[in-house]
């Protein structure tokens, strides 16, 4: 199960990756993605292994963003790639069996290019403009999210500017959850923020 609360680590947050992941895990996140664009693989691999050791006993999936060698070395549960991160078929082959592959989708036109059987879930958005990723594609809104969800059999997670007060709209779109960064990582109490988001989802 990917959703409903999918936390993406924030390299600019006050807390370390491990502290962020621990707080999100205690708050009820079901999936945590390690996203770090600048560190070399040699430095990121031990971080990923530490997160795997932290999350696996709790039954929480660790996904690595973009870095296939890090995902493989840490025995992560999966990899998430964007539209510019290579062929999903090659990523699937490199990951090996039993691992999840996620793909970011920014508009409905990109669905036709997804190779059959290569991808397990989609990250759909940005729903709103977000400072977390300044070079993001144009926001699609909840209506755009719903259209993409309806056009694919793959499970979809809403991404981009989603936070408190949005869980009912995310769930109404047909998405299986929401991927969030700052709504958790920059909260005064990230664990409580995660728990509140999960409660909001369950109540919607």
N, C-alpha and C. Protein backbone atom coordinates (compact mmCIF):
# COMPACT_ATOMS: atom_id res chain seq x y z
N UNK A 1 0.85 -1.19 0.00
CA UNK A 1 0.00 0.00 0.00
C UNK A 1 0.88 1.24 0.00
N UNK A 2 0.71 2.13 -0.98
CA UNK A 2 1.53 3.33 -1.12
C UNK A 2 1.02 4.44 -0.21
N UNK A 3 -0.27 4.71 -0.24
CA UNK A 3 -0.84 5.83 0.52
C UNK A 3 -1.30 5.37 1.89
N UNK A 4 -2.03 6.24 2.56
CA UNK A 4 -2.45 7.57 2.12
C UNK A 4 -1.46 8.70 2.40
N UNK A 5 -0.56 8.51 3.37
CA UNK A 5 0.40 9.56 3.69
C UNK A 5 1.78 9.10 3.23
N UNK A 6 2.28 9.78 2.20
CA UNK A 6 3.55 9.46 1.55
C UNK A 6 4.46 10.65 1.81
N UNK A 7 5.44 10.47 2.69
CA UNK A 7 6.32 11.58 3.07
C UNK A 7 7.59 11.57 2.24
N UNK A 8 7.97 12.75 1.75
CA UNK A 8 9.20 12.92 0.98
C UNK A 8 10.17 13.77 1.80
N UNK A 9 11.37 13.27 2.02
CA UNK A 9 12.33 13.97 2.87
C UNK A 9 12.71 15.32 2.29
N UNK A 10 13.09 16.22 3.19
CA UNK A 10 13.37 17.60 2.85
C UNK A 10 14.79 17.95 3.28
N UNK A 11 15.73 18.10 2.33
CA UNK A 11 17.11 18.38 2.71
C UNK A 11 17.33 19.73 3.36
N UNK A 12 16.35 20.64 3.22
CA UNK A 12 16.49 21.98 3.79
C UNK A 12 15.79 22.13 5.13
N UNK A 13 15.14 21.09 5.60
CA UNK A 13 14.40 21.17 6.86
C UNK A 13 15.36 21.18 8.06
N UNK A 14 14.89 21.66 9.20
CA UNK A 14 15.76 21.70 10.39
C UNK A 14 16.19 20.32 10.87
N UNK A 15 15.33 19.33 10.71
CA UNK A 15 15.63 17.99 11.20
C UNK A 15 16.45 17.19 10.18
N UNK A 16 17.22 16.24 10.65
CA UNK A 16 17.95 15.33 9.77
C UNK A 16 16.96 14.42 9.04
N UNK A 17 17.45 13.76 7.99
CA UNK A 17 16.59 12.81 7.27
C UNK A 17 16.05 11.74 8.22
N UNK A 18 16.92 11.23 9.09
CA UNK A 18 16.49 10.18 10.00
C UNK A 18 15.42 10.68 10.96
N UNK A 19 15.60 11.89 11.48
CA UNK A 19 14.61 12.46 12.40
C UNK A 19 13.29 12.75 11.69
N UNK A 20 13.37 13.23 10.45
CA UNK A 20 12.15 13.45 9.67
C UNK A 20 11.42 12.13 9.45
N UNK A 21 12.16 11.12 9.03
CA UNK A 21 11.54 9.82 8.74
C UNK A 21 10.95 9.20 10.00
N UNK A 22 11.66 9.32 11.11
CA UNK A 22 11.17 8.75 12.37
C UNK A 22 9.86 9.42 12.79
N UNK A 23 9.81 10.73 12.66
CA UNK A 23 8.60 11.46 13.05
C UNK A 23 7.43 11.09 12.14
N UNK A 24 7.68 11.04 10.84
CA UNK A 24 6.61 10.68 9.91
C UNK A 24 6.13 9.26 10.14
N UNK A 25 7.07 8.37 10.42
CA UNK A 25 6.71 6.98 10.68
C UNK A 25 5.84 6.86 11.93
N UNK A 26 6.22 7.54 12.99
CA UNK A 26 5.44 7.50 14.23
C UNK A 26 4.05 8.11 14.03
N UNK A 27 3.97 9.09 13.12
CA UNK A 27 2.70 9.74 12.85
C UNK A 27 1.77 8.95 11.95
N UNK A 28 2.28 7.89 11.32
CA UNK A 28 1.41 7.04 10.52
C UNK A 28 1.66 7.05 9.02
N UNK A 29 2.77 7.64 8.56
CA UNK A 29 3.08 7.58 7.13
C UNK A 29 3.29 6.12 6.72
N UNK A 30 2.80 5.77 5.55
CA UNK A 30 2.94 4.39 5.08
C UNK A 30 4.10 4.21 4.12
N UNK A 31 4.55 5.32 3.52
CA UNK A 31 5.66 5.29 2.57
C UNK A 31 6.53 6.53 2.81
N UNK A 32 7.83 6.35 2.77
CA UNK A 32 8.76 7.48 2.91
C UNK A 32 9.76 7.43 1.77
N UNK A 33 9.86 8.56 1.08
CA UNK A 33 10.79 8.66 -0.04
C UNK A 33 12.01 9.48 0.37
N UNK A 34 13.18 8.93 0.12
CA UNK A 34 14.43 9.66 0.34
C UNK A 34 14.74 10.45 -0.92
N UNK A 35 14.63 11.77 -0.81
CA UNK A 35 14.89 12.64 -1.96
C UNK A 35 16.04 13.59 -1.59
N UNK A 36 17.15 13.42 -2.27
CA UNK A 36 18.35 14.24 -2.04
C UNK A 36 19.10 14.30 -3.37
N UNK A 37 19.16 15.49 -3.95
CA UNK A 37 19.67 15.65 -5.31
C UNK A 37 21.16 15.95 -5.38
N UNK A 38 21.79 16.33 -4.28
CA UNK A 38 23.16 16.85 -4.37
C UNK A 38 24.24 15.91 -3.84
N UNK A 39 23.96 15.12 -2.85
CA UNK A 39 24.98 14.24 -2.29
C UNK A 39 25.39 13.16 -3.29
N UNK A 40 26.66 12.81 -3.34
CA UNK A 40 27.08 11.68 -4.18
C UNK A 40 26.53 10.36 -3.63
N UNK A 41 26.44 9.38 -4.51
CA UNK A 41 25.91 8.07 -4.10
C UNK A 41 26.63 7.52 -2.88
N UNK A 42 27.95 7.69 -2.83
CA UNK A 42 28.74 7.11 -1.74
C UNK A 42 28.32 7.66 -0.38
N UNK A 43 27.82 8.89 -0.34
CA UNK A 43 27.36 9.47 0.92
C UNK A 43 25.88 9.19 1.16
N UNK A 44 25.13 9.03 0.08
CA UNK A 44 23.69 8.82 0.23
C UNK A 44 23.35 7.38 0.58
N UNK A 45 24.17 6.44 0.14
CA UNK A 45 23.90 5.02 0.40
C UNK A 45 23.81 4.71 1.90
N UNK A 46 24.78 5.15 2.73
CA UNK A 46 24.63 4.85 4.16
C UNK A 46 23.40 5.51 4.79
N UNK A 47 23.03 6.70 4.29
CA UNK A 47 21.80 7.33 4.78
C UNK A 47 20.59 6.48 4.44
N UNK A 48 20.56 6.00 3.21
CA UNK A 48 19.43 5.17 2.78
C UNK A 48 19.38 3.86 3.56
N UNK A 49 20.53 3.27 3.81
CA UNK A 49 20.56 2.02 4.59
C UNK A 49 20.05 2.26 6.01
N UNK A 50 20.42 3.40 6.58
CA UNK A 50 19.94 3.73 7.91
C UNK A 50 18.43 3.89 7.95
N UNK A 51 17.88 4.54 6.92
CA UNK A 51 16.42 4.69 6.85
C UNK A 51 15.74 3.35 6.66
N UNK A 52 16.32 2.49 5.85
CA UNK A 52 15.76 1.15 5.64
C UNK A 52 15.69 0.39 6.97
N UNK A 53 16.78 0.45 7.73
CA UNK A 53 16.82 -0.23 9.03
C UNK A 53 15.79 0.35 9.99
N UNK A 54 15.56 1.65 9.89
CA UNK A 54 14.59 2.32 10.76
C UNK A 54 13.16 1.97 10.40
N UNK A 55 12.87 1.91 9.09
CA UNK A 55 11.50 1.78 8.63
C UNK A 55 11.02 0.34 8.46
N UNK A 56 11.91 -0.55 8.07
CA UNK A 56 11.50 -1.92 7.78
C UNK A 56 10.80 -2.61 8.96
N UNK A 57 11.31 -2.47 10.19
CA UNK A 57 10.62 -3.12 11.31
C UNK A 57 9.21 -2.58 11.54
N UNK A 58 8.95 -1.37 11.06
CA UNK A 58 7.62 -0.77 11.22
C UNK A 58 6.71 -1.09 10.03
N UNK A 59 7.23 -1.81 9.04
CA UNK A 59 6.42 -2.15 7.88
C UNK A 59 6.19 -0.98 6.94
N UNK A 60 7.09 0.01 6.99
CA UNK A 60 6.95 1.20 6.16
C UNK A 60 7.90 1.11 4.98
N UNK A 61 7.40 1.40 3.80
CA UNK A 61 8.22 1.29 2.60
C UNK A 61 9.17 2.47 2.46
N UNK A 62 10.40 2.18 2.04
CA UNK A 62 11.38 3.20 1.70
C UNK A 62 11.54 3.24 0.18
N UNK A 63 11.27 4.40 -0.39
CA UNK A 63 11.45 4.64 -1.81
C UNK A 63 12.60 5.64 -1.97
N UNK A 64 13.46 5.41 -2.94
CA UNK A 64 14.55 6.35 -3.22
C UNK A 64 14.22 7.12 -4.49
N UNK A 65 14.41 8.42 -4.43
CA UNK A 65 14.13 9.27 -5.59
C UNK A 65 15.30 9.24 -6.56
N UNK A 66 15.04 8.76 -7.76
CA UNK A 66 15.93 8.92 -8.92
C UNK A 66 17.21 8.09 -8.90
N UNK A 67 17.76 7.80 -7.75
CA UNK A 67 19.12 7.25 -7.64
C UNK A 67 19.06 5.72 -7.59
N UNK A 68 19.13 5.10 -8.76
CA UNK A 68 18.96 3.65 -8.86
C UNK A 68 20.03 2.89 -8.09
N UNK A 69 21.28 3.36 -8.14
CA UNK A 69 22.35 2.64 -7.45
C UNK A 69 22.18 2.73 -5.94
N UNK A 70 21.67 3.86 -5.47
CA UNK A 70 21.40 4.01 -4.03
C UNK A 70 20.28 3.05 -3.63
N UNK A 71 19.22 3.01 -4.43
CA UNK A 71 18.10 2.12 -4.13
C UNK A 71 18.55 0.67 -4.07
N UNK A 72 19.39 0.28 -5.01
CA UNK A 72 19.87 -1.12 -5.05
C UNK A 72 20.79 -1.41 -3.87
N UNK A 73 21.73 -0.50 -3.59
CA UNK A 73 22.70 -0.74 -2.52
C UNK A 73 22.04 -0.79 -1.15
N UNK A 74 20.97 -0.01 -0.97
CA UNK A 74 20.29 0.04 0.33
C UNK A 74 19.17 -1.00 0.43
N UNK A 75 18.95 -1.75 -0.64
CA UNK A 75 17.83 -2.69 -0.69
C UNK A 75 16.52 -1.99 -0.37
N UNK A 76 16.37 -0.77 -0.93
CA UNK A 76 15.13 -0.01 -0.73
C UNK A 76 13.96 -0.76 -1.34
N UNK A 77 12.77 -0.40 -0.92
CA UNK A 77 11.57 -1.07 -1.42
C UNK A 77 11.20 -0.61 -2.82
N UNK A 78 11.79 0.50 -3.27
CA UNK A 78 11.47 0.95 -4.61
C UNK A 78 12.23 2.20 -5.00
N UNK A 79 11.91 2.66 -6.20
CA UNK A 79 12.54 3.83 -6.81
C UNK A 79 11.44 4.71 -7.39
N UNK A 80 11.64 6.02 -7.31
CA UNK A 80 10.71 6.94 -7.96
C UNK A 80 11.49 7.79 -8.95
N UNK A 81 10.99 7.88 -10.18
CA UNK A 81 11.67 8.65 -11.21
C UNK A 81 10.73 9.68 -11.81
N UNK A 82 11.33 10.73 -12.38
CA UNK A 82 10.56 11.76 -13.06
C UNK A 82 10.56 11.54 -14.56
N UNK A 83 9.91 12.45 -15.26
CA UNK A 83 9.81 12.33 -16.71
C UNK A 83 11.18 12.42 -17.39
N UNK A 84 12.11 13.10 -16.76
CA UNK A 84 13.43 13.26 -17.37
C UNK A 84 14.49 12.35 -16.81
N UNK A 85 14.09 11.33 -16.09
CA UNK A 85 15.06 10.47 -15.40
C UNK A 85 15.31 9.13 -16.08
N UNK A 86 14.99 9.05 -17.37
CA UNK A 86 15.29 7.82 -18.10
C UNK A 86 14.08 6.97 -18.39
N UNK A 87 14.33 5.88 -19.10
CA UNK A 87 13.28 4.96 -19.54
C UNK A 87 12.80 4.10 -18.37
N UNK A 88 11.50 4.11 -18.08
CA UNK A 88 10.99 3.27 -16.99
C UNK A 88 11.30 1.79 -17.18
N UNK A 89 11.38 1.34 -18.42
CA UNK A 89 11.70 -0.09 -18.65
C UNK A 89 13.11 -0.41 -18.17
N UNK A 90 14.05 0.51 -18.40
CA UNK A 90 15.42 0.29 -17.94
C UNK A 90 15.49 0.34 -16.42
N UNK A 91 14.75 1.26 -15.83
CA UNK A 91 14.72 1.34 -14.37
C UNK A 91 14.12 0.07 -13.77
N UNK A 92 13.06 -0.43 -14.38
CA UNK A 92 12.43 -1.66 -13.91
C UNK A 92 13.41 -2.82 -13.99
N UNK A 93 14.12 -2.93 -15.08
CA UNK A 93 15.08 -4.03 -15.23
C UNK A 93 16.21 -3.92 -14.21
N UNK A 94 16.67 -2.70 -13.97
CA UNK A 94 17.77 -2.50 -13.02
C UNK A 94 17.34 -2.75 -11.59
N UNK A 95 16.09 -2.44 -11.27
CA UNK A 95 15.60 -2.62 -9.90
C UNK A 95 15.54 -4.08 -9.49
N UNK A 96 15.13 -4.91 -10.43
CA UNK A 96 14.97 -6.32 -10.11
C UNK A 96 13.58 -6.62 -9.60
N UNK A 97 13.30 -7.89 -9.33
CA UNK A 97 11.95 -8.30 -8.95
C UNK A 97 11.57 -7.86 -7.54
N UNK A 98 10.28 -7.69 -7.34
CA UNK A 98 9.76 -7.42 -6.01
C UNK A 98 9.92 -6.00 -5.53
N UNK A 99 10.36 -5.09 -6.40
CA UNK A 99 10.55 -3.69 -6.01
C UNK A 99 9.51 -2.82 -6.71
N UNK A 100 9.18 -1.68 -6.09
CA UNK A 100 8.21 -0.75 -6.65
C UNK A 100 8.90 0.29 -7.52
N UNK A 101 8.24 0.66 -8.61
CA UNK A 101 8.73 1.75 -9.44
C UNK A 101 7.62 2.78 -9.58
N UNK A 102 7.90 4.00 -9.13
CA UNK A 102 6.96 5.10 -9.28
C UNK A 102 7.42 6.06 -10.35
N UNK A 103 6.48 6.72 -11.00
CA UNK A 103 6.78 7.67 -12.07
C UNK A 103 5.96 8.94 -11.87
N UNK A 104 6.63 10.09 -11.99
CA UNK A 104 5.91 11.36 -11.92
C UNK A 104 5.21 11.65 -13.25
N UNK A 105 3.97 12.10 -13.15
CA UNK A 105 3.19 12.45 -14.33
C UNK A 105 2.64 13.86 -14.13
N UNK A 106 2.85 14.72 -15.12
CA UNK A 106 2.47 16.13 -15.00
C UNK A 106 1.21 16.48 -15.78
N UNK A 107 0.87 15.64 -16.76
CA UNK A 107 -0.35 15.87 -17.55
C UNK A 107 -0.81 14.56 -18.17
N UNK A 108 -2.05 14.54 -18.63
CA UNK A 108 -2.66 13.31 -19.14
C UNK A 108 -1.97 12.80 -20.39
N UNK A 109 -1.36 13.69 -21.16
CA UNK A 109 -0.69 13.27 -22.40
C UNK A 109 0.46 12.31 -22.12
N UNK A 110 1.05 12.40 -20.94
CA UNK A 110 2.19 11.54 -20.61
C UNK A 110 1.80 10.11 -20.29
N UNK A 111 0.53 9.88 -20.08
CA UNK A 111 0.09 8.51 -19.73
C UNK A 111 0.32 7.53 -20.86
N UNK A 112 0.14 7.98 -22.09
CA UNK A 112 0.24 7.08 -23.24
C UNK A 112 1.65 6.53 -23.41
N UNK A 113 2.65 7.24 -22.90
CA UNK A 113 4.04 6.81 -23.09
C UNK A 113 4.53 5.85 -22.01
N UNK A 114 3.70 5.55 -21.02
CA UNK A 114 4.13 4.67 -19.93
C UNK A 114 4.17 3.22 -20.43
N UNK A 115 5.32 2.57 -20.37
CA UNK A 115 5.41 1.19 -20.85
C UNK A 115 4.56 0.26 -20.00
N UNK A 116 3.81 -0.59 -20.64
CA UNK A 116 2.93 -1.51 -19.91
C UNK A 116 3.75 -2.44 -19.02
N UNK A 117 3.34 -2.54 -17.78
CA UNK A 117 3.96 -3.46 -16.85
C UNK A 117 5.23 -2.96 -16.18
N UNK A 118 5.68 -1.75 -16.52
CA UNK A 118 6.94 -1.26 -15.96
C UNK A 118 6.76 -0.48 -14.67
N UNK A 119 5.65 0.23 -14.54
CA UNK A 119 5.44 1.17 -13.44
C UNK A 119 4.35 0.66 -12.50
N UNK A 120 4.56 0.85 -11.20
CA UNK A 120 3.61 0.37 -10.20
C UNK A 120 2.64 1.43 -9.69
N UNK A 121 3.10 2.69 -9.68
CA UNK A 121 2.23 3.78 -9.23
C UNK A 121 2.69 5.08 -9.85
N UNK A 122 1.82 6.09 -9.82
CA UNK A 122 2.14 7.40 -10.38
C UNK A 122 2.09 8.48 -9.30
N UNK A 123 3.01 9.42 -9.37
CA UNK A 123 2.93 10.64 -8.59
C UNK A 123 2.40 11.72 -9.51
N UNK A 124 1.21 12.22 -9.24
CA UNK A 124 0.51 13.09 -10.19
C UNK A 124 0.47 14.53 -9.67
N UNK A 125 0.97 15.44 -10.49
CA UNK A 125 0.96 16.84 -10.10
C UNK A 125 2.01 17.64 -10.86
N UNK A 126 2.26 18.86 -10.41
CA UNK A 126 1.84 19.41 -9.13
C UNK A 126 0.38 19.86 -9.11
N UNK A 127 -0.27 19.56 -8.00
CA UNK A 127 -1.64 20.01 -7.82
C UNK A 127 -1.66 21.53 -7.68
N UNK A 128 -0.73 22.04 -6.89
CA UNK A 128 -0.55 23.48 -6.73
C UNK A 128 0.91 23.84 -6.94
N UNK A 129 1.17 25.13 -7.11
CA UNK A 129 2.55 25.60 -7.13
C UNK A 129 3.20 25.30 -5.79
N UNK A 130 4.48 24.93 -5.82
CA UNK A 130 5.16 24.60 -4.58
C UNK A 130 6.60 25.09 -4.62
N UNK A 131 7.04 25.67 -3.53
CA UNK A 131 8.42 26.15 -3.43
C UNK A 131 9.41 25.02 -3.29
N UNK A 132 8.92 23.82 -2.95
CA UNK A 132 9.81 22.67 -2.78
C UNK A 132 10.51 22.32 -4.08
N UNK A 133 9.82 22.55 -5.20
CA UNK A 133 10.39 22.24 -6.51
C UNK A 133 10.11 23.43 -7.43
N UNK A 134 10.98 24.45 -7.43
CA UNK A 134 10.71 25.68 -8.16
C UNK A 134 10.54 25.51 -9.67
N UNK A 135 11.14 24.46 -10.25
CA UNK A 135 11.06 24.26 -11.69
C UNK A 135 9.92 23.32 -12.09
N UNK A 136 8.89 23.24 -11.26
CA UNK A 136 7.81 22.30 -11.53
C UNK A 136 6.98 22.71 -12.75
N UNK A 137 6.24 21.74 -13.26
CA UNK A 137 5.33 21.97 -14.39
C UNK A 137 4.14 22.81 -13.92
N UNK A 138 3.33 23.30 -14.85
CA UNK A 138 2.15 24.08 -14.45
C UNK A 138 1.22 23.28 -13.53
N UNK A 139 0.70 23.89 -12.48
CA UNK A 139 -0.21 23.18 -11.57
C UNK A 139 -1.46 22.70 -12.30
N UNK A 140 -1.94 21.52 -11.90
CA UNK A 140 -3.11 20.92 -12.56
C UNK A 140 -4.38 21.05 -11.74
N UNK A 141 -4.27 21.40 -10.46
CA UNK A 141 -5.45 21.51 -9.62
C UNK A 141 -6.06 20.15 -9.32
N UNK A 142 -7.07 20.14 -8.48
CA UNK A 142 -7.72 18.88 -8.13
C UNK A 142 -8.54 18.33 -9.29
N UNK A 143 -9.05 19.20 -10.15
CA UNK A 143 -9.77 18.71 -11.32
C UNK A 143 -8.83 17.97 -12.27
N UNK A 144 -7.65 18.53 -12.48
CA UNK A 144 -6.67 17.87 -13.32
C UNK A 144 -6.20 16.56 -12.72
N UNK A 145 -6.04 16.55 -11.42
CA UNK A 145 -5.68 15.31 -10.72
C UNK A 145 -6.74 14.24 -10.96
N UNK A 146 -7.99 14.61 -10.80
CA UNK A 146 -9.08 13.64 -10.98
C UNK A 146 -9.13 13.11 -12.40
N UNK A 147 -8.86 13.97 -13.38
CA UNK A 147 -8.88 13.51 -14.78
C UNK A 147 -7.79 12.49 -15.06
N UNK A 148 -6.62 12.73 -14.51
CA UNK A 148 -5.52 11.78 -14.71
C UNK A 148 -5.79 10.47 -13.99
N UNK A 149 -6.28 10.56 -12.76
CA UNK A 149 -6.61 9.35 -12.01
C UNK A 149 -7.63 8.50 -12.76
N UNK A 150 -8.61 9.16 -13.36
CA UNK A 150 -9.66 8.44 -14.09
C UNK A 150 -9.15 7.81 -15.38
N UNK A 151 -8.02 8.32 -15.89
CA UNK A 151 -7.53 7.88 -17.19
C UNK A 151 -6.50 6.76 -17.11
N UNK A 152 -6.15 6.32 -15.90
CA UNK A 152 -5.15 5.27 -15.76
C UNK A 152 -5.59 4.24 -14.73
N UNK A 153 -5.24 2.97 -14.94
CA UNK A 153 -5.53 1.95 -13.92
C UNK A 153 -4.50 1.94 -12.79
N UNK A 154 -3.39 2.69 -12.96
CA UNK A 154 -2.34 2.68 -11.94
C UNK A 154 -2.76 3.50 -10.72
N UNK A 155 -2.38 3.07 -9.52
CA UNK A 155 -2.64 3.88 -8.33
C UNK A 155 -1.92 5.22 -8.44
N UNK A 156 -2.58 6.28 -8.02
CA UNK A 156 -2.03 7.62 -8.14
C UNK A 156 -1.92 8.29 -6.78
N UNK A 157 -0.81 9.00 -6.59
CA UNK A 157 -0.58 9.79 -5.39
C UNK A 157 -0.50 11.25 -5.81
N UNK A 158 -1.25 12.11 -5.16
CA UNK A 158 -1.21 13.54 -5.45
C UNK A 158 0.09 14.13 -4.94
N UNK A 159 0.71 15.01 -5.74
CA UNK A 159 1.94 15.67 -5.32
C UNK A 159 1.86 17.16 -5.64
N UNK A 160 2.61 17.94 -4.86
CA UNK A 160 2.75 19.35 -5.18
C UNK A 160 1.80 20.27 -4.45
N UNK A 161 2.27 20.89 -3.38
CA UNK A 161 1.48 21.90 -2.68
C UNK A 161 0.30 21.37 -1.91
N UNK A 162 0.31 20.09 -1.60
CA UNK A 162 -0.81 19.47 -0.87
C UNK A 162 -0.50 19.47 0.62
N UNK A 163 -1.52 19.75 1.44
CA UNK A 163 -1.28 19.81 2.88
C UNK A 163 -2.56 19.74 3.67
N UNK A 164 -2.54 20.24 4.90
CA UNK A 164 -3.73 20.20 5.76
C UNK A 164 -4.93 20.85 5.09
N UNK A 165 -6.08 20.21 5.23
CA UNK A 165 -7.30 20.70 4.62
C UNK A 165 -7.56 20.16 3.24
N UNK A 166 -6.60 19.40 2.69
CA UNK A 166 -6.72 18.90 1.31
C UNK A 166 -7.08 17.43 1.20
N UNK A 167 -7.07 16.70 2.30
CA UNK A 167 -7.20 15.25 2.19
C UNK A 167 -8.54 14.81 1.60
N UNK A 168 -9.61 15.53 1.92
CA UNK A 168 -10.92 15.17 1.36
C UNK A 168 -10.92 15.34 -0.16
N UNK A 169 -10.30 16.42 -0.64
CA UNK A 169 -10.25 16.65 -2.09
C UNK A 169 -9.36 15.63 -2.78
N UNK A 170 -8.26 15.27 -2.15
CA UNK A 170 -7.38 14.23 -2.71
C UNK A 170 -8.12 12.91 -2.81
N UNK A 171 -8.80 12.56 -1.74
CA UNK A 171 -9.52 11.29 -1.73
C UNK A 171 -10.67 11.29 -2.74
N UNK A 172 -11.36 12.43 -2.86
CA UNK A 172 -12.47 12.53 -3.81
C UNK A 172 -12.00 12.40 -5.26
N UNK A 173 -10.74 12.73 -5.50
CA UNK A 173 -10.19 12.63 -6.86
C UNK A 173 -9.99 11.18 -7.29
N UNK A 174 -9.97 10.28 -6.33
CA UNK A 174 -9.69 8.88 -6.63
C UNK A 174 -8.25 8.48 -6.37
N UNK A 175 -7.41 9.45 -5.98
CA UNK A 175 -6.03 9.13 -5.64
C UNK A 175 -5.98 8.28 -4.37
N UNK A 176 -4.91 7.48 -4.25
CA UNK A 176 -4.78 6.59 -3.10
C UNK A 176 -4.09 7.28 -1.93
N UNK A 177 -3.58 8.49 -2.17
CA UNK A 177 -2.91 9.21 -1.10
C UNK A 177 -2.28 10.48 -1.61
N UNK A 178 -1.51 11.12 -0.72
CA UNK A 178 -0.85 12.38 -1.06
C UNK A 178 0.60 12.31 -0.62
N UNK A 179 1.49 12.75 -1.51
CA UNK A 179 2.91 12.86 -1.19
C UNK A 179 3.18 14.28 -0.73
N UNK A 180 3.80 14.41 0.43
CA UNK A 180 4.01 15.73 1.02
C UNK A 180 5.42 15.89 1.55
N UNK A 181 5.90 17.11 1.43
CA UNK A 181 7.22 17.45 1.95
C UNK A 181 7.05 18.42 3.12
N UNK A 182 6.91 19.70 2.81
CA UNK A 182 6.94 20.74 3.85
C UNK A 182 5.77 20.69 4.82
N UNK A 183 4.62 20.14 4.38
CA UNK A 183 3.48 20.05 5.30
C UNK A 183 3.84 19.21 6.53
N UNK A 184 4.84 18.35 6.37
CA UNK A 184 5.31 17.53 7.48
C UNK A 184 6.67 18.02 7.98
N UNK A 185 7.62 18.18 7.05
CA UNK A 185 9.00 18.47 7.46
C UNK A 185 9.17 19.83 8.11
N UNK A 186 8.33 20.81 7.72
CA UNK A 186 8.45 22.16 8.28
C UNK A 186 7.43 22.43 9.37
N UNK A 187 6.63 21.44 9.73
CA UNK A 187 5.66 21.62 10.80
C UNK A 187 6.39 21.73 12.14
N UNK A 188 5.83 22.48 13.10
CA UNK A 188 6.46 22.56 14.42
C UNK A 188 6.65 21.20 15.07
N UNK A 189 5.71 20.30 14.82
CA UNK A 189 5.79 18.94 15.33
C UNK A 189 5.46 17.99 14.17
N UNK A 190 6.46 17.52 13.44
CA UNK A 190 6.21 16.70 12.26
C UNK A 190 5.41 15.43 12.53
N UNK A 191 5.65 14.82 13.69
CA UNK A 191 4.89 13.61 14.03
C UNK A 191 3.40 13.93 14.18
N UNK A 192 3.10 15.00 14.92
CA UNK A 192 1.71 15.39 15.11
C UNK A 192 1.08 15.82 13.79
N UNK A 193 1.85 16.48 12.94
CA UNK A 193 1.33 16.91 11.63
C UNK A 193 0.96 15.70 10.79
N UNK A 194 1.81 14.67 10.80
CA UNK A 194 1.53 13.45 10.05
C UNK A 194 0.28 12.77 10.58
N UNK A 195 0.18 12.68 11.90
CA UNK A 195 -0.98 12.04 12.52
C UNK A 195 -2.27 12.79 12.17
N UNK A 196 -2.19 14.11 12.17
CA UNK A 196 -3.36 14.92 11.83
C UNK A 196 -3.79 14.74 10.38
N UNK A 197 -2.82 14.66 9.47
CA UNK A 197 -3.13 14.44 8.06
C UNK A 197 -3.78 13.08 7.84
N UNK A 198 -3.26 12.07 8.54
CA UNK A 198 -3.84 10.74 8.42
C UNK A 198 -5.27 10.71 8.96
N UNK A 199 -5.49 11.38 10.09
CA UNK A 199 -6.83 11.44 10.66
C UNK A 199 -7.78 12.17 9.71
N UNK A 200 -7.29 13.22 9.07
CA UNK A 200 -8.09 13.96 8.11
C UNK A 200 -8.48 13.07 6.93
N UNK A 201 -7.53 12.27 6.46
CA UNK A 201 -7.81 11.34 5.36
C UNK A 201 -8.89 10.34 5.77
N UNK A 202 -8.72 9.76 6.94
CA UNK A 202 -9.66 8.73 7.40
C UNK A 202 -11.05 9.29 7.63
N UNK A 203 -11.13 10.57 7.98
CA UNK A 203 -12.43 11.19 8.24
C UNK A 203 -13.14 11.65 6.97
N UNK A 204 -12.40 11.68 5.87
CA UNK A 204 -12.97 12.23 4.63
C UNK A 204 -13.78 11.19 3.87
